[in-house]
Amino acid sequence: MTAPTAKKSVGVRIVDGSKKELMTVSGIECDGDMLVIKGKIFGTMPMTAKLSPEEARNALKMLSPKLVWFLLTFLFRSTKADAGKPAKG
């Protein structure tokens, strides 16, 4: 019988230019018409942010055609740190 493995927490890490963690997003939910983003800032301070439809529309106004293309292809890119690593398989 094997020992139970620890469940790996799912989260999105947002880092600064020197790869230091600024924020970990642990959940995204909806609350009525608001988008709720939960996480921790600097790894310790809990945070709940709410995004309204109006603010989301304001964010869309910041997108250029070049940035839209980047976002559409973003998930298919590898990070520079992963570029030299062999594919898992």
Foldseek 3Di string as FASTA:
>chain_A
DDDDDDDDQDWDFDADPVRQTQWTWRDWDDDVQWIWTWTAGSPPHTDIDIDHPVNVVVVVVVDDPVNVVCVVCVVVDDDPVCPPPDDDD
